[in-house]
N, C-alpha and C. Protein backbone atom coordinates (compact mmCIF):
# COMPACT_ATOMS: atom_id res chain seq x y z
N MET A 1 88.86 169.66 65.64
CA MET A 1 89.47 168.37 65.36
C MET A 1 90.50 168.08 66.50
N PHE A 2 91.27 168.99 66.90
CA PHE A 2 92.24 168.81 67.97
C PHE A 2 91.51 168.48 69.29
N VAL A 3 90.47 169.12 69.50
CA VAL A 3 89.61 168.92 70.75
C VAL A 3 89.13 167.47 70.67
N GLU A 4 88.65 167.09 69.57
CA GLU A 4 88.12 165.70 69.47
C GLU A 4 89.23 164.70 69.67
N GLU A 5 90.39 164.90 69.20
CA GLU A 5 91.55 164.04 69.43
C GLU A 5 91.89 164.00 70.91
N LEU A 6 91.85 165.11 71.53
CA LEU A 6 92.15 165.18 72.98
C LEU A 6 91.07 164.41 73.76
N GLU A 7 89.85 164.56 73.32
CA GLU A 7 88.77 163.83 74.01
C GLU A 7 88.96 162.34 73.83
N LYS A 8 89.35 161.89 72.65
CA LYS A 8 89.62 160.48 72.41
C LYS A 8 90.74 159.99 73.26
N ILE A 9 91.82 160.80 73.35
CA ILE A 9 92.98 160.44 74.19
C ILE A 9 92.55 160.32 75.65
N TYR A 10 91.79 161.30 76.09
CA TYR A 10 91.28 161.35 77.47
C TYR A 10 90.40 160.09 77.71
N GLN A 11 89.55 159.80 76.78
CA GLN A 11 88.64 158.66 76.86
C GLN A 11 89.40 157.33 76.89
N SER A 12 90.50 157.26 76.08
CA SER A 12 91.36 156.08 76.03
C SER A 12 92.08 155.87 77.36
N GLU A 13 92.60 157.00 77.91
CA GLU A 13 93.26 156.91 79.17
C GLU A 13 92.27 156.51 80.31
N SER A 14 91.10 157.06 80.26
CA SER A 14 90.10 156.74 81.21
C SER A 14 89.69 155.20 81.11
N ASN A 15 89.54 154.76 79.90
CA ASN A 15 89.28 153.30 79.67
C ASN A 15 90.42 152.43 80.18
N ALA A 16 91.65 152.89 79.91
CA ALA A 16 92.81 152.12 80.39
C ALA A 16 92.82 152.11 81.88
N ASP A 17 92.59 153.23 82.54
CA ASP A 17 92.55 153.29 83.98
C ASP A 17 91.47 152.32 84.54
N GLN A 18 90.29 152.31 83.90
CA GLN A 18 89.22 151.43 84.29
C GLN A 18 89.62 149.96 84.14
N ILE A 19 90.24 149.67 83.05
CA ILE A 19 90.72 148.27 82.76
C ILE A 19 91.73 147.88 83.86
N VAL A 20 92.66 148.75 84.19
CA VAL A 20 93.66 148.49 85.26
C VAL A 20 92.91 148.24 86.61
N LYS A 21 92.00 149.14 86.93
CA LYS A 21 91.23 149.03 88.16
C LYS A 21 90.41 147.72 88.20
N ASP A 22 89.76 147.41 87.09
CA ASP A 22 89.02 146.10 87.01
C ASP A 22 89.88 144.90 87.16
N SER A 23 91.07 145.01 86.49
CA SER A 23 92.06 143.94 86.57
C SER A 23 92.48 143.69 87.99
N LYS A 24 92.77 144.77 88.68
CA LYS A 24 93.21 144.61 90.11
C LYS A 24 92.08 144.02 90.95
N THR A 25 90.85 144.46 90.71
CA THR A 25 89.72 143.91 91.48
C THR A 25 89.60 142.42 91.15
N GLU A 26 89.63 142.07 89.87
CA GLU A 26 89.49 140.69 89.45
C GLU A 26 90.66 139.87 89.99
N SER A 27 91.85 140.37 89.99
CA SER A 27 92.99 139.67 90.53
C SER A 27 92.85 139.40 92.01
N ALA A 28 92.35 140.37 92.74
CA ALA A 28 92.10 140.21 94.20
C ALA A 28 91.08 139.10 94.40
N LYS A 29 90.05 139.10 93.62
CA LYS A 29 89.01 138.01 93.72
C LYS A 29 89.59 136.69 93.47
N ILE A 30 90.38 136.57 92.38
CA ILE A 30 91.01 135.32 92.03
C ILE A 30 91.90 134.83 93.14
N MET A 31 92.75 135.74 93.71
CA MET A 31 93.68 135.36 94.84
C MET A 31 92.85 134.89 95.99
N GLU A 32 91.78 135.57 96.37
CA GLU A 32 90.97 135.19 97.53
C GLU A 32 90.32 133.80 97.25
N ASN A 33 89.78 133.59 96.08
CA ASN A 33 89.22 132.31 95.73
C ASN A 33 90.25 131.19 95.79
N ALA A 34 91.53 131.49 95.33
CA ALA A 34 92.56 130.54 95.41
C ALA A 34 92.93 130.19 96.82
N LYS A 35 92.91 131.23 97.76
CA LYS A 35 93.25 130.99 99.15
C LYS A 35 92.16 130.09 99.76
N VAL A 36 90.92 130.38 99.45
CA VAL A 36 89.82 129.59 100.00
C VAL A 36 89.95 128.16 99.51
N GLU A 37 90.20 128.01 98.24
CA GLU A 37 90.30 126.67 97.68
C GLU A 37 91.52 125.89 98.29
N ALA A 38 92.60 126.64 98.45
CA ALA A 38 93.82 126.00 99.12
C ALA A 38 93.45 125.59 100.48
N ARG A 39 92.73 126.40 101.29
CA ARG A 39 92.36 125.99 102.60
C ARG A 39 91.50 124.76 102.61
N GLU A 40 90.55 124.71 101.64
CA GLU A 40 89.70 123.55 101.54
C GLU A 40 90.50 122.24 101.23
N ILE A 41 91.44 122.40 100.24
CA ILE A 41 92.28 121.28 99.87
C ILE A 41 93.11 120.81 101.08
N LEU A 42 93.66 121.75 101.81
CA LEU A 42 94.46 121.46 102.99
C LEU A 42 93.63 120.78 104.04
N ASN A 43 92.41 121.24 104.27
CA ASN A 43 91.53 120.60 105.28
C ASN A 43 91.14 119.14 104.82
N ARG A 44 90.89 118.99 103.56
CA ARG A 44 90.57 117.62 103.05
C ARG A 44 91.74 116.74 103.23
N ALA A 45 92.97 117.26 102.91
CA ALA A 45 94.16 116.43 102.99
C ALA A 45 94.42 116.06 104.44
N ARG A 46 94.24 117.03 105.37
CA ARG A 46 94.43 116.70 106.75
C ARG A 46 93.41 115.65 107.26
N SER A 47 92.22 115.78 106.83
CA SER A 47 91.13 114.84 107.23
C SER A 47 91.48 113.44 106.65
N GLU A 48 91.91 113.38 105.43
CA GLU A 48 92.23 112.12 104.81
C GLU A 48 93.48 111.52 105.54
N ALA A 49 94.42 112.32 105.86
CA ALA A 49 95.63 111.86 106.55
C ALA A 49 95.27 111.30 107.93
N ASP A 50 94.35 112.01 108.63
CA ASP A 50 93.91 111.56 109.94
C ASP A 50 93.22 110.18 109.76
N SER A 51 92.36 110.09 108.76
CA SER A 51 91.66 108.87 108.50
C SER A 51 92.61 107.68 108.22
N VAL A 52 93.58 107.97 107.36
CA VAL A 52 94.56 106.90 106.99
C VAL A 52 95.38 106.52 108.24
N SER A 53 95.75 107.50 108.98
CA SER A 53 96.53 107.26 110.23
C SER A 53 95.78 106.38 111.17
N ARG A 54 94.47 106.76 111.39
CA ARG A 54 93.61 105.96 112.28
C ARG A 54 93.48 104.54 111.76
N SER A 55 93.34 104.41 110.48
CA SER A 55 93.21 103.07 109.87
C SER A 55 94.41 102.28 110.11
N TYR A 56 95.59 102.81 109.86
CA TYR A 56 96.86 102.09 110.09
C TYR A 56 97.07 101.76 111.58
N THR A 57 96.70 102.70 112.43
CA THR A 57 96.82 102.49 113.85
C THR A 57 95.91 101.34 114.33
N ASP A 58 94.69 101.38 113.85
CA ASP A 58 93.75 100.33 114.18
C ASP A 58 94.24 98.96 113.64
N GLU A 59 94.72 98.93 112.45
CA GLU A 59 95.28 97.71 111.82
C GLU A 59 96.46 97.20 112.59
N GLY A 60 97.33 98.11 112.99
CA GLY A 60 98.50 97.72 113.79
C GLY A 60 98.12 97.18 115.16
N LYS A 61 97.08 97.80 115.78
CA LYS A 61 96.67 97.35 117.11
C LYS A 61 95.98 96.03 116.97
N ALA A 62 95.19 95.77 115.92
CA ALA A 62 94.60 94.46 115.75
C ALA A 62 95.65 93.39 115.53
N GLU A 63 96.69 93.68 114.77
CA GLU A 63 97.75 92.75 114.54
C GLU A 63 98.50 92.45 115.84
N ALA A 64 98.78 93.51 116.61
CA ALA A 64 99.51 93.34 117.87
C ALA A 64 98.62 92.48 118.88
N ASP A 65 97.32 92.71 118.86
CA ASP A 65 96.44 91.94 119.76
C ASP A 65 96.42 90.47 119.33
N LYS A 66 96.40 90.27 118.00
CA LYS A 66 96.44 88.86 117.51
C LYS A 66 97.73 88.17 117.90
N GLN A 67 98.83 88.85 117.69
CA GLN A 67 100.16 88.24 118.08
C GLN A 67 100.23 88.04 119.57
N TYR A 68 99.64 88.93 120.40
CA TYR A 68 99.73 88.76 121.80
C TYR A 68 98.89 87.53 122.25
N GLU A 69 97.74 87.40 121.67
CA GLU A 69 96.87 86.23 121.98
C GLU A 69 97.56 84.95 121.57
N GLU A 70 98.18 84.90 120.41
CA GLU A 70 98.89 83.73 119.96
C GLU A 70 100.04 83.41 120.93
N TYR A 71 100.78 84.39 121.33
CA TYR A 71 101.87 84.22 122.23
C TYR A 71 101.39 83.68 123.59
N MET A 72 100.30 84.27 124.13
CA MET A 72 99.72 83.83 125.40
C MET A 72 99.22 82.38 125.28
N GLN A 73 98.73 81.99 124.18
CA GLN A 73 98.28 80.57 123.97
C GLN A 73 99.51 79.67 124.00
N GLU A 74 100.54 80.07 123.32
CA GLU A 74 101.79 79.29 123.28
C GLU A 74 102.32 79.14 124.73
N ILE A 75 102.37 80.24 125.48
CA ILE A 75 102.85 80.21 126.87
C ILE A 75 101.99 79.29 127.73
N GLU A 76 100.67 79.43 127.57
CA GLU A 76 99.70 78.57 128.33
C GLU A 76 99.94 77.10 128.00
N ALA A 77 100.13 76.81 126.71
CA ALA A 77 100.35 75.38 126.37
C ALA A 77 101.70 74.90 126.94
N SER A 78 102.71 75.77 126.88
CA SER A 78 104.02 75.39 127.45
C SER A 78 103.91 75.19 128.97
N ALA A 79 103.14 76.05 129.66
CA ALA A 79 103.01 75.86 131.11
C ALA A 79 102.20 74.54 131.41
N THR A 80 101.23 74.25 130.60
CA THR A 80 100.47 73.05 130.79
C THR A 80 101.33 71.78 130.63
N ARG A 81 102.19 71.85 129.59
CA ARG A 81 103.14 70.75 129.36
C ARG A 81 104.12 70.62 130.56
N MET A 82 104.56 71.73 131.04
CA MET A 82 105.54 71.65 132.21
C MET A 82 104.82 71.09 133.43
N LEU A 83 103.57 71.48 133.63
CA LEU A 83 102.85 70.92 134.79
C LEU A 83 102.59 69.43 134.61
N GLU A 84 102.31 68.96 133.41
CA GLU A 84 102.16 67.56 133.14
C GLU A 84 103.41 66.80 133.38
N GLU A 85 104.55 67.40 132.90
CA GLU A 85 105.83 66.73 133.11
C GLU A 85 106.18 66.69 134.60
N ALA A 86 105.89 67.78 135.30
CA ALA A 86 106.16 67.81 136.73
C ALA A 86 105.31 66.75 137.46
N GLY A 87 104.07 66.58 137.02
CA GLY A 87 103.21 65.65 137.61
C GLY A 87 103.80 64.20 137.45
N ALA A 88 104.30 63.94 136.26
CA ALA A 88 104.92 62.64 135.94
C ALA A 88 106.17 62.46 136.79
N ASN A 89 106.95 63.46 136.91
CA ASN A 89 108.19 63.39 137.71
C ASN A 89 107.90 63.36 139.19
N ARG A 90 106.80 63.84 139.60
CA ARG A 90 106.39 63.82 141.01
C ARG A 90 106.28 62.42 141.52
N GLN A 91 105.62 61.62 140.74
CA GLN A 91 105.49 60.21 141.14
C GLN A 91 106.87 59.50 141.20
N LYS A 92 107.73 59.83 140.25
CA LYS A 92 109.11 59.26 140.23
C LYS A 92 109.84 59.68 141.54
N ALA A 93 109.71 60.99 141.88
CA ALA A 93 110.32 61.53 143.06
C ALA A 93 109.82 60.84 144.33
N ILE A 94 108.53 60.68 144.41
CA ILE A 94 107.89 59.99 145.55
C ILE A 94 108.44 58.56 145.67
N ASP A 95 108.47 57.87 144.55
CA ASP A 95 108.98 56.50 144.55
C ASP A 95 110.42 56.44 145.00
N LEU A 96 111.25 57.40 144.47
CA LEU A 96 112.67 57.45 144.86
C LEU A 96 112.84 57.68 146.31
N ILE A 97 112.11 58.68 146.86
CA ILE A 97 112.20 59.00 148.28
C ILE A 97 111.74 57.81 149.15
N ALA A 98 110.65 57.22 148.73
CA ALA A 98 110.16 56.00 149.50
C ALA A 98 111.19 54.91 149.42
N GLU A 99 111.80 54.69 148.33
CA GLU A 99 112.86 53.63 148.18
C GLU A 99 113.98 53.95 149.12
N ARG A 100 114.43 55.22 149.17
CA ARG A 100 115.61 55.56 150.02
C ARG A 100 115.23 55.38 151.52
N ILE A 101 113.99 55.77 151.86
CA ILE A 101 113.57 55.62 153.24
C ILE A 101 113.60 54.21 153.62
N VAL A 102 113.01 53.38 152.77
CA VAL A 102 112.90 51.93 152.98
C VAL A 102 114.36 51.39 153.07
N SER A 103 115.21 51.78 152.12
CA SER A 103 116.58 51.29 152.07
C SER A 103 117.32 51.70 153.33
N ASN A 104 117.19 52.88 153.77
CA ASN A 104 117.84 53.40 155.02
C ASN A 104 117.24 52.64 156.22
N SER A 105 115.99 52.38 156.23
CA SER A 105 115.40 51.71 157.37
C SER A 105 115.88 50.30 157.43
N VAL A 106 116.06 49.67 156.30
CA VAL A 106 116.46 48.27 156.26
C VAL A 106 117.95 48.22 156.61
N ASN A 107 118.76 49.12 156.20
CA ASN A 107 120.19 49.09 156.42
C ASN A 107 120.55 49.52 157.84
N ASN A 108 119.70 50.18 158.50
CA ASN A 108 120.01 50.67 159.86
C ASN A 108 119.46 49.78 160.86
């Protein structure tokens, strides 16, 4: 009977050792799987961040291009107006110069 009890104790200790060993193995597998999953999540997050960044950059560039084109159109319109005004003033200047030349010629 004592021998049987010792065998049961030995078997229980052996089972406990096996459970601890199996738990350590299972824990290592869980940790490795968690690391792999974390790397995958990180890679997906980086990819998504790159995509969002590219999207915002493209959107910003498109808006800047639009504003640039609008500004250039305004500048072109302003330059055209100034040329038209200069053309109108040109004739006035010619008339004034001609009048002074004639006036000086007559007075001298």
